[in-house]
Amino acid sequence: MATTLRQLLDDLTDRAGARPAAATIEDVTGALAHLGRALSGLAEDGLTLADSRRQRTATAVAAACTTAGRLWPHSGGPLTDLAGAAADLVGRDRAIMGRSHRWAVTVEVAEAADHCARLGRRLLPQEAAPELDVVRQSAASIERAAQTDPPTAADSVVLDRLIPLPGPPTGEAEVTVLDAAAGLLAALDRARQADTLTLRDFRAAVAAAELTSRYAAGAAGQTGRDAGPPLLAGLAWQLAGRASMVFHDGRRGAPSDGGKVVSSSQALVRALRNEVGALADLGEQRDSKTPADVAAPVQEAANQVPAVADRLTMAVERWSRTGQLFANARDLPRMEAMPEDRIQAVIAGRHVRASGDDLDRLQQVVGRAADLSTGLADALNRTAGKEPLAQRHRADRCDRGAKVPGDADRLLSRATAVDRDSSGIRLLHSPRQIPPSR
C-alpha cells in the first residue's frame, strides 16, 4: 500500500501515544535520532531567507533530537522504523522543497518528536535523561511559532506526496485508488527525469485530474456539501486540456506509452470507478455505498492532484525553455515586437517552434487548476477532520485535533501541555551541551 509522509508521522504519533506503552526506551531514542536527521536536513536547507528565530529554533530542535537519539544503542522497533522511513522520505524530497514547504514539514516532524519524547519520559524515572525534556521544550517553541505563521494548505501538500511505487500498476489485478495515484506520480517522475514527457502523457494526466475533481463534486453532492469548488477545479483542468490542443510535439506514427503515464492515468480513473462507481451513477449509490465509502477514495485521489499539478507545471516550464513544442503561428499569443520571420509565418499559416511567452496561457491555466485543486484537497481534509471515517488513517485521534494547516487551537494546546508537563521536572543546573547538528 502506498503511503505518505503525513501517514508515517501520524502512525508514529499514534504508536508513541498508545497506552499502555508498547515500546522500549531504545526504540524511542532510535526514532528521535531519525527525526533529528530529518530536521537537521530541513534546517540546513533553510526555513527562511536569512537568519531568523524560526531558523534557530528548528536547528535547536534538530540538535536536541540528535542528542537524545544518542542516549541508548539503537535496537530497532516500530517507532524507529516509522521515523526512519519518514526521515528517508524527507531526505528524498529535499531537492523539490521550498522554504515554506520545509516549514510545514518541520512543524509536523517536531510534533512527532514531542510525542516520542513524552513517551520516553513515561518510560524513565522523573529526573533521568533531561535531554528528552529539551526535545519537548524545543518542539513547543516550533509549535508556538506555527501559531503566528501556520503553514498554508499549498505548503502542506508536500506532506501528502505519495511514496512512488517501483513502477506503475500492471497486470489484470485491480489496484486501490491510492496505489493508482502513486503509480501515476511515479510515471510522471520517471518521464520528467528522462525528459520524455509527451503531450499525450500531459493530456492523459490532465484528464485524470479533471475526472478526479468531478468525482469529488459527485461525492460532495452525495453528502449534501457544496459541489461548486470541485466542479470549478474540474472545469479548470478541462480548460488546461483544451489549451494544450494548440500545440503538438512533432511526434508521428502510432502513439506509444513508454513512460506508462497514459496507462497509469487510466488506472487511476479505473480505480475510482471500481471503488466509487461510474460518475453518471454517483447520485444513485445511496443504497449500495455509504457517503463515507465514497468520500474515502475520492479524498485519497484529490489529495494527490496538487502533486500531479506540480509535475505538469514543471513540464510546461521546461517546454517554454527548450522549445520542444510546435504550433500554428496564428494560434500563438500576439507579440509587441513581432520578428519578421514570425510575421511571415502568421501570414502563411505555418507552424513554428513555441517557446517562452508562447506558452504563457497554458502555464496560467495549469497554475490556476493547480491552485483550485490545492484548495479542494484542503477543503476535503477539513471535512475529514469532522468525519473521521472519510480518512481512515486519521481516525480515532484521542489526544490530537484534526490535521488542518493553521489550526491554532491545536498548536496552542500542544505547546501549553508541554509547559504544564515540564513545570514539575527539575533539569540539571548545567544542562549538557547540545552539539550542533551535522
Protein backbone atom coordinates (compact mmCIF):
# COMPACT_ATOMS: atom_id res chain seq x y z
CA MET A 1 0.00 0.00 0.00
CA ALA A 2 1.31 3.42 -0.92
CA THR A 3 1.80 5.86 1.91
CA THR A 4 2.71 9.48 2.55
CA LEU A 5 4.90 11.41 4.93
CA ARG A 6 1.83 12.58 6.83
CA GLN A 7 0.65 8.98 7.28
CA LEU A 8 4.06 7.87 8.54
CA LEU A 9 4.17 10.69 11.09
CA ASP A 10 0.56 10.05 12.13
CA ASP A 11 1.29 6.36 12.66
CA LEU A 12 4.43 7.22 14.62
CA THR A 13 2.48 9.59 16.86
CA ASP A 14 -0.29 7.05 17.38
CA ARG A 15 2.16 4.38 18.48
CA ALA A 16 4.01 6.79 20.75
CA GLY A 17 0.74 7.80 22.42
CA ALA A 18 -0.63 4.26 22.87
CA ARG A 19 -1.47 3.18 26.39
CA PRO A 20 -0.12 1.07 27.87
CA ALA A 21 3.22 1.89 26.28
CA ALA A 22 4.31 -0.82 23.86
CA ALA A 23 7.84 0.44 23.11
CA THR A 24 11.26 0.37 24.71
CA ILE A 25 13.40 3.39 25.50
CA GLU A 26 15.87 2.15 22.87
CA ASP A 27 13.09 2.27 20.27
CA VAL A 28 12.13 5.80 21.37
CA THR A 29 15.65 7.17 21.14
CA GLY A 30 16.15 5.42 17.82
CA ALA A 31 13.09 7.22 16.48
CA LEU A 32 14.35 10.56 17.85
CA ALA A 33 17.69 10.02 16.11
CA HIS A 34 15.93 9.63 12.74
CA LEU A 35 13.67 12.62 13.38
CA GLY A 36 16.76 14.63 14.27
CA ARG A 37 18.28 13.58 10.95
CA ALA A 38 15.19 14.81 9.09
CA LEU A 39 15.08 18.11 10.99
CA SER A 40 18.80 18.69 10.50
CA GLY A 41 18.41 18.42 6.74
CA LEU A 42 15.44 20.78 6.72
CA ALA A 43 17.28 23.34 8.87
CA GLU A 44 20.42 23.01 6.78
CA ASP A 45 18.49 23.78 3.59
CA GLY A 46 16.93 26.79 5.33
CA LEU A 47 13.47 27.75 6.54
CA THR A 48 13.94 31.48 5.93
CA LEU A 49 15.95 33.58 3.52
CA ALA A 50 18.18 34.98 6.28
CA ASP A 51 18.99 34.08 9.86
CA SER A 52 15.82 34.21 11.97
CA ARG A 53 14.31 32.95 15.17
CA ARG A 54 12.46 30.28 13.22
CA GLN A 55 15.70 29.05 11.69
CA ARG A 56 17.46 28.96 15.05
CA THR A 57 14.55 27.16 16.71
CA ALA A 58 14.49 24.48 14.01
CA THR A 59 18.24 23.99 14.39
CA ALA A 60 17.80 23.68 18.16
CA VAL A 61 15.09 21.03 17.99
CA ALA A 62 17.15 19.09 15.41
CA ALA A 63 20.16 19.15 17.75
CA ALA A 64 18.00 18.17 20.73
CA CYS A 65 16.59 15.15 18.90
CA THR A 66 20.05 14.12 17.70
CA THR A 67 21.44 14.33 21.23
CA ALA A 68 18.54 12.37 22.73
CA GLY A 69 18.97 9.80 19.99
CA ARG A 70 22.48 9.00 21.23
CA LEU A 71 21.42 8.13 24.79
CA TRP A 72 20.94 4.38 24.13
CA PRO A 73 22.20 1.98 21.47
CA HIS A 74 19.61 1.56 18.73
CA SER A 75 17.93 -1.83 18.78
CA GLY A 76 15.20 -1.14 16.22
CA GLY A 77 11.47 -1.37 16.65
CA PRO A 78 8.26 0.02 15.14
CA LEU A 79 8.92 3.62 16.23
CA THR A 80 12.44 3.54 14.85
CA ASP A 81 11.23 2.02 11.58
CA LEU A 82 8.46 4.59 11.08
CA ALA A 83 10.72 7.52 11.93
CA GLY A 84 13.46 6.15 9.68
CA ALA A 85 11.05 5.83 6.74
CA ALA A 86 9.79 9.38 7.36
CA ALA A 87 13.34 10.75 7.52
CA ASP A 88 14.26 8.94 4.31
CA LEU A 89 11.22 10.43 2.57
CA VAL A 90 12.11 13.93 3.79
CA GLY A 91 15.64 13.45 2.51
CA ARG A 92 14.43 12.25 -0.87
CA ASP A 93 12.17 15.27 -1.32
CA ARG A 94 14.63 17.91 -0.08
CA ALA A 95 15.55 18.89 -3.63
CA ILE A 96 11.99 19.86 -4.55
CA MET A 97 11.04 21.63 -1.31
CA GLY A 98 10.97 25.38 -0.94
CA ARG A 99 11.37 27.21 2.35
CA SER A 100 7.62 27.25 3.02
CA HIS A 101 7.38 23.51 2.33
CA ARG A 102 10.24 22.86 4.73
CA TRP A 103 8.46 24.87 7.40
CA ALA A 104 5.28 22.77 7.00
CA VAL A 105 7.30 19.55 7.33
CA THR A 106 9.28 20.90 10.28
CA VAL A 107 6.09 21.64 12.22
CA GLU A 108 4.82 18.07 11.74
CA VAL A 109 8.16 16.36 12.46
CA ALA A 110 8.63 18.46 15.60
CA GLU A 111 5.22 17.36 16.86
CA ALA A 112 6.10 13.71 16.28
CA ALA A 113 9.37 14.24 18.16
CA ASP A 114 7.45 15.76 21.06
CA HIS A 115 5.22 12.68 21.31
CA CYS A 116 8.25 10.37 21.22
CA ALA A 117 9.98 12.39 23.94
CA ARG A 118 6.81 12.30 26.04
CA LEU A 119 6.75 8.51 25.73
CA GLY A 120 10.41 8.37 26.74
CA ARG A 121 9.60 10.42 29.80
CA ARG A 122 6.86 7.92 30.79
CA LEU A 123 9.32 5.05 30.49
CA LEU A 124 12.02 6.57 32.72
CA PRO A 125 12.32 7.91 36.27
CA GLN A 126 11.39 11.56 36.62
CA GLU A 127 14.89 13.05 36.66
CA ALA A 128 16.51 10.67 34.19
CA ALA A 129 17.52 11.79 30.69
CA PRO A 130 16.83 15.54 30.81
CA GLU A 131 17.64 15.54 27.10
CA LEU A 132 14.08 14.36 26.50
CA ASP A 133 12.75 17.49 28.21
CA VAL A 134 14.96 19.62 25.96
CA VAL A 135 13.32 17.95 22.96
CA ARG A 136 9.87 18.76 24.29
CA GLN A 137 10.70 22.37 25.06
CA SER A 138 12.26 22.88 21.63
CA ALA A 139 9.30 21.26 19.89
CA ALA A 140 6.95 23.52 21.86
CA SER A 141 8.84 26.54 20.51
CA ILE A 142 8.22 25.31 16.97
CA GLU A 143 4.52 24.98 17.66
CA ARG A 144 4.34 28.44 19.18
CA ALA A 145 5.98 29.85 16.06
CA ALA A 146 3.42 27.97 13.96
CA GLN A 147 0.61 29.71 15.84
CA THR A 148 1.60 33.08 14.41
CA ASP A 149 2.71 31.80 11.00
CA PRO A 150 0.96 28.49 10.27
CA PRO A 151 1.81 26.52 7.12
CA THR A 152 -0.68 27.11 4.33
CA ALA A 153 -2.60 24.42 2.50
CA ALA A 154 -0.32 24.78 -0.52
CA ASP A 155 2.78 24.43 1.65
CA SER A 156 1.39 21.33 3.38
CA VAL A 157 0.75 19.47 0.12
CA VAL A 158 4.28 18.09 0.37
CA LEU A 159 3.15 16.06 3.40
CA ASP A 160 0.67 14.17 1.22
CA ARG A 161 3.07 13.31 -1.59
CA LEU A 162 2.88 9.57 -2.12
CA ILE A 163 5.96 7.41 -1.86
CA PRO A 164 6.41 6.32 -5.50
CA LEU A 165 5.89 2.68 -6.31
CA PRO A 166 8.67 0.73 -8.09
CA GLY A 167 6.56 1.00 -11.24
CA PRO A 168 3.07 1.83 -12.47
CA PRO A 169 0.21 -0.60 -11.82
CA THR A 170 0.43 -3.55 -14.20
CA GLY A 171 -1.40 -6.76 -14.79
CA GLU A 172 -5.07 -7.58 -14.58
CA ALA A 173 -5.39 -7.29 -10.80
CA GLU A 174 -7.21 -4.15 -9.74
CA VAL A 175 -5.35 -1.66 -7.59
CA THR A 176 -6.61 0.75 -4.98
CA VAL A 177 -7.08 4.45 -5.70
CA LEU A 178 -4.09 5.32 -3.51
CA ASP A 179 -1.79 2.85 -5.30
CA ALA A 180 -3.05 4.02 -8.70
CA ALA A 181 -2.32 7.63 -7.76
CA ALA A 182 1.16 6.59 -6.62
CA GLY A 183 1.67 4.85 -9.95
CA LEU A 184 0.76 8.00 -11.87
CA LEU A 185 3.10 10.17 -9.80
CA ALA A 186 5.93 7.67 -10.25
CA ALA A 187 5.35 7.57 -14.02
CA LEU A 188 5.39 11.37 -14.22
CA ASP A 189 8.60 11.45 -12.18
CA ARG A 190 10.29 8.95 -14.50
CA ALA A 191 9.22 10.88 -17.57
CA ARG A 192 10.42 14.17 -16.05
CA GLN A 193 13.81 12.76 -15.10
CA ALA A 194 14.30 11.27 -18.56
CA ASP A 195 12.81 14.36 -20.27
CA THR A 196 10.45 12.09 -22.24
CA LEU A 197 7.06 13.51 -21.18
CA THR A 198 4.94 13.84 -24.33
CA LEU A 199 1.89 15.98 -24.95
CA ARG A 200 -0.15 12.78 -24.98
CA ASP A 201 1.17 11.99 -21.50
CA PHE A 202 0.40 15.54 -20.38
CA ARG A 203 -3.18 15.38 -21.64
CA ALA A 204 -3.75 11.98 -20.06
CA ALA A 205 -2.65 13.26 -16.65
CA VAL A 206 -4.80 16.40 -17.10
CA ALA A 207 -7.80 14.20 -17.92
CA ALA A 208 -7.18 12.10 -14.79
CA ALA A 209 -7.05 15.29 -12.68
CA GLU A 210 -10.28 16.55 -14.28
CA LEU A 211 -12.13 13.28 -13.64
CA THR A 212 -10.86 13.13 -10.06
CA SER A 213 -12.28 16.63 -9.48
CA ARG A 214 -15.59 15.58 -10.98
CA TYR A 215 -15.69 12.56 -8.71
CA ALA A 216 -15.11 14.93 -5.80
CA ALA A 217 -18.09 17.01 -6.97
CA GLY A 218 -20.25 13.90 -7.10
CA ALA A 219 -19.15 12.84 -3.62
CA ALA A 220 -19.88 16.33 -2.30
CA GLY A 221 -23.38 16.25 -3.74
CA GLN A 222 -23.99 12.86 -2.16
CA THR A 223 -23.16 14.20 1.30
CA GLY A 224 -25.06 17.46 0.87
CA ARG A 225 -21.94 19.63 0.66
CA ASP A 226 -21.22 22.39 -1.84
CA ALA A 227 -20.16 20.80 -5.12
CA GLY A 228 -19.05 24.15 -6.55
CA PRO A 229 -15.31 24.06 -5.66
CA PRO A 230 -14.66 20.58 -7.13
CA LEU A 231 -16.68 21.49 -10.22
CA LEU A 232 -14.57 24.62 -10.68
CA ALA A 233 -11.40 22.56 -10.32
CA GLY A 234 -12.70 20.09 -12.91
CA LEU A 235 -13.55 22.91 -15.34
CA ALA A 236 -10.08 24.40 -14.81
CA TRP A 237 -8.45 21.10 -15.75
CA GLN A 238 -10.74 20.81 -18.75
CA LEU A 239 -9.59 24.26 -19.87
CA ALA A 240 -5.96 23.18 -19.39
CA GLY A 241 -6.55 20.22 -21.67
CA ARG A 242 -8.11 22.44 -24.32
CA ALA A 243 -5.29 24.98 -24.07
CA SER A 244 -2.77 22.21 -24.77
CA MET A 245 -4.53 21.33 -28.05
CA VAL A 246 -2.92 24.38 -29.68
CA PHE A 247 0.43 22.60 -29.52
CA HIS A 248 1.98 19.41 -30.84
CA ASP A 249 5.37 17.85 -30.17
CA GLY A 250 6.14 16.67 -33.69
CA ARG A 251 5.68 13.00 -32.89
CA ARG A 252 4.37 10.96 -35.77
CA GLY A 253 3.13 7.43 -36.14
CA ALA A 254 1.32 5.25 -33.61
CA PRO A 255 1.23 6.73 -30.12
CA SER A 256 3.45 4.99 -27.60
CA ASP A 257 3.33 4.92 -23.81
CA GLY A 258 6.94 4.21 -22.98
CA GLY A 259 6.76 6.14 -19.72
CA LYS A 260 3.46 4.49 -18.73
CA VAL A 261 1.88 7.86 -17.94
CA VAL A 262 -1.16 7.16 -20.10
CA SER A 263 -1.79 3.70 -18.68
CA SER A 264 -1.24 4.98 -15.14
CA SER A 265 -3.77 7.78 -15.72
CA GLN A 266 -6.25 5.23 -16.98
CA ALA A 267 -5.54 3.02 -13.97
CA LEU A 268 -6.41 5.88 -11.60
CA VAL A 269 -9.73 6.52 -13.30
CA ARG A 270 -10.47 2.80 -13.37
CA ALA A 271 -9.70 2.52 -9.65
CA LEU A 272 -12.09 5.38 -8.89
CA ARG A 273 -14.76 3.69 -10.95
CA ASN A 274 -14.23 0.38 -9.15
CA GLU A 275 -14.22 1.85 -5.62
CA VAL A 276 -16.78 4.62 -6.08
CA GLY A 277 -18.82 3.80 -9.16
CA ALA A 278 -19.44 5.42 -12.51
CA LEU A 279 -19.71 9.21 -12.47
CA ALA A 280 -23.18 9.13 -14.02
CA ASP A 281 -24.43 6.80 -11.28
CA LEU A 282 -22.97 8.58 -8.24
CA GLY A 283 -26.33 10.05 -7.28
CA GLU A 284 -27.91 6.59 -7.27
CA GLN A 285 -25.34 4.94 -5.00
CA ARG A 286 -27.04 5.69 -1.69
CA ASP A 287 -28.37 2.16 -1.26
CA SER A 288 -25.14 0.37 -2.18
CA LYS A 289 -22.44 2.72 -0.84
CA THR A 290 -22.45 4.99 2.17
CA PRO A 291 -21.16 8.58 1.87
CA ALA A 292 -18.05 7.52 3.79
CA ASP A 293 -17.44 4.68 1.31
CA VAL A 294 -17.49 7.22 -1.49
CA ALA A 295 -15.60 10.00 0.30
CA ALA A 296 -12.55 7.99 1.38
CA PRO A 297 -11.15 7.01 -2.06
CA VAL A 298 -12.17 10.33 -3.59
CA GLN A 299 -10.26 12.21 -0.92
CA GLU A 300 -7.22 9.97 -1.37
CA ALA A 301 -7.19 10.79 -5.08
CA ALA A 302 -7.92 14.51 -4.62
CA ASN A 303 -5.02 14.81 -2.16
CA GLN A 304 -2.64 13.75 -4.95
CA VAL A 305 -3.93 16.08 -7.67
CA PRO A 306 -1.81 19.03 -6.40
CA ALA A 307 1.28 16.81 -6.70
CA VAL A 308 0.23 15.84 -10.25
CA ALA A 309 -0.27 19.55 -10.97
CA ASP A 310 3.25 20.26 -9.71
CA ARG A 311 4.72 17.83 -12.26
CA LEU A 312 2.61 19.25 -15.08
CA THR A 313 3.59 22.81 -14.19
CA MET A 314 7.26 21.84 -14.33
CA ALA A 315 6.67 20.21 -17.72
CA VAL A 316 5.19 23.42 -19.18
CA GLU A 317 8.05 25.48 -17.75
CA ARG A 318 10.57 23.11 -19.32
CA TRP A 319 8.82 23.21 -22.68
CA SER A 320 8.87 27.01 -22.61
CA ARG A 321 12.65 26.94 -22.06
CA THR A 322 13.54 24.19 -24.52
CA GLY A 323 11.13 24.95 -27.36
CA GLN A 324 10.12 21.31 -27.77
CA LEU A 325 6.55 22.13 -28.83
CA PHE A 326 5.19 23.47 -32.11
CA ALA A 327 2.05 25.39 -33.03
CA ASN A 328 0.44 27.29 -35.86
CA ALA A 329 1.83 30.81 -35.66
CA ARG A 330 -1.71 32.22 -35.96
CA ASP A 331 -2.74 30.42 -32.75
CA LEU A 332 0.04 31.82 -30.60
CA PRO A 333 -0.30 34.97 -28.44
CA ARG A 334 0.42 38.30 -30.06
CA MET A 335 3.86 39.83 -29.60
CA GLU A 336 4.59 43.51 -29.02
CA ALA A 337 7.61 43.50 -31.32
CA MET A 338 6.97 40.52 -33.60
CA PRO A 339 10.05 39.43 -35.55
CA GLU A 340 9.82 39.46 -39.31
CA ASP A 341 10.05 35.68 -39.60
CA ARG A 342 7.12 35.28 -37.19
CA ILE A 343 5.11 37.80 -39.22
CA GLN A 344 5.76 35.77 -42.35
CA ALA A 345 4.75 32.59 -40.51
CA VAL A 346 1.47 34.17 -39.38
CA ILE A 347 0.68 35.33 -42.91
CA ALA A 348 1.47 31.91 -44.37
CA GLY A 349 -0.18 29.96 -41.53
CA ARG A 350 3.00 27.99 -40.90
CA HIS A 351 3.81 26.01 -37.78
CA VAL A 352 6.65 27.38 -35.69
CA ARG A 353 8.57 26.32 -32.61
CA ALA A 354 6.83 27.57 -29.46
CA SER A 355 8.84 28.83 -26.51
CA GLY A 356 8.87 31.47 -23.81
CA ASP A 357 5.80 33.70 -23.86
CA ASP A 358 4.11 31.41 -26.40
CA LEU A 359 3.25 29.04 -23.53
CA ASP A 360 2.13 31.72 -21.08
CA ARG A 361 -1.58 30.93 -21.43
CA LEU A 362 -1.05 27.19 -20.95
CA GLN A 363 1.12 27.91 -17.94
CA GLN A 364 -1.52 30.21 -16.46
CA VAL A 365 -4.42 27.78 -16.83
CA VAL A 366 -2.41 24.88 -15.40
CA GLY A 367 -1.38 27.11 -12.49
CA ARG A 368 -4.98 28.11 -11.87
CA ALA A 369 -6.10 24.47 -11.95
CA ALA A 370 -3.31 23.63 -9.50
CA ASP A 371 -4.44 26.37 -7.10
CA LEU A 372 -8.07 25.22 -7.24
CA SER A 373 -7.04 21.60 -6.71
CA THR A 374 -4.95 22.57 -3.67
CA GLY A 375 -7.93 24.39 -2.22
CA LEU A 376 -10.18 21.43 -2.95
CA ALA A 377 -7.82 18.99 -1.21
CA ASP A 378 -7.63 21.30 1.79
CA ALA A 379 -11.42 21.58 1.98
CA LEU A 380 -11.80 17.79 1.85
CA ASN A 381 -9.20 17.38 4.59
CA ARG A 382 -11.00 19.89 6.79
CA THR A 383 -14.24 17.98 6.31
CA ALA A 384 -12.44 14.73 7.10
CA GLY A 385 -11.42 16.20 10.45
CA LYS A 386 -15.12 16.29 11.35
CA GLU A 387 -15.93 12.94 9.76
CA PRO A 388 -13.07 10.55 10.66
CA LEU A 389 -14.46 7.74 8.51
CA ALA A 390 -13.68 9.78 5.44
CA GLN A 391 -9.99 9.36 6.12
CA ARG A 392 -9.14 6.14 7.86
CA HIS A 393 -5.54 6.94 8.76
CA ARG A 394 -6.68 9.94 10.81
CA ALA A 395 -9.41 8.16 12.75
CA ASP A 396 -9.53 7.61 16.50
CA ARG A 397 -7.37 10.57 17.50
CA CYS A 398 -7.95 10.72 21.25
CA ASP A 399 -5.38 13.40 22.06
CA ARG A 400 -4.93 15.30 18.82
CA GLY A 401 -7.07 17.66 16.77
CA ALA A 402 -7.67 17.38 13.05
CA LYS A 403 -4.56 17.84 10.95
CA VAL A 404 -5.56 21.15 9.47
CA PRO A 405 -2.89 23.69 8.48
CA GLY A 406 -3.28 26.76 10.66
CA ASP A 407 -5.25 25.04 13.43
CA ALA A 408 -4.13 27.49 16.12
CA ASP A 409 -6.18 25.84 18.86
CA ARG A 410 -4.39 22.53 18.35
CA LEU A 411 -0.97 24.18 18.27
CA LEU A 412 -1.67 26.27 21.35
CA SER A 413 -2.97 23.30 23.33
CA ARG A 414 0.12 21.24 22.43
CA ALA A 415 2.53 23.99 23.49
CA THR A 416 0.60 24.59 26.73
CA ALA A 417 0.70 20.86 27.52
CA VAL A 418 4.48 20.83 27.20
CA ASP A 419 4.79 23.73 29.65
CA ARG A 420 2.47 22.03 32.11
CA ASP A 421 4.20 18.65 31.89
CA SER A 422 7.64 20.19 32.24
CA SER A 423 6.88 22.57 35.09
CA GLY A 424 7.46 19.93 37.76
CA ILE A 425 10.57 18.47 36.19
CA ARG A 426 13.87 19.76 37.54
CA LEU A 427 16.52 19.97 34.86
CA LEU A 428 20.20 19.90 35.68
CA HIS A 429 21.59 23.29 36.70
CA SER A 430 24.20 22.91 33.98
CA PRO A 431 22.43 21.33 31.04
CA ARG A 432 24.51 19.07 28.88
CA GLN A 433 25.91 20.86 25.88
CA ILE A 434 23.95 20.05 22.75
CA PRO A 435 26.32 19.77 19.81
CA PRO A 436 25.36 21.43 16.53
CA SER A 437 23.55 19.26 14.03
CA ARG A 438 25.56 17.81 11.24
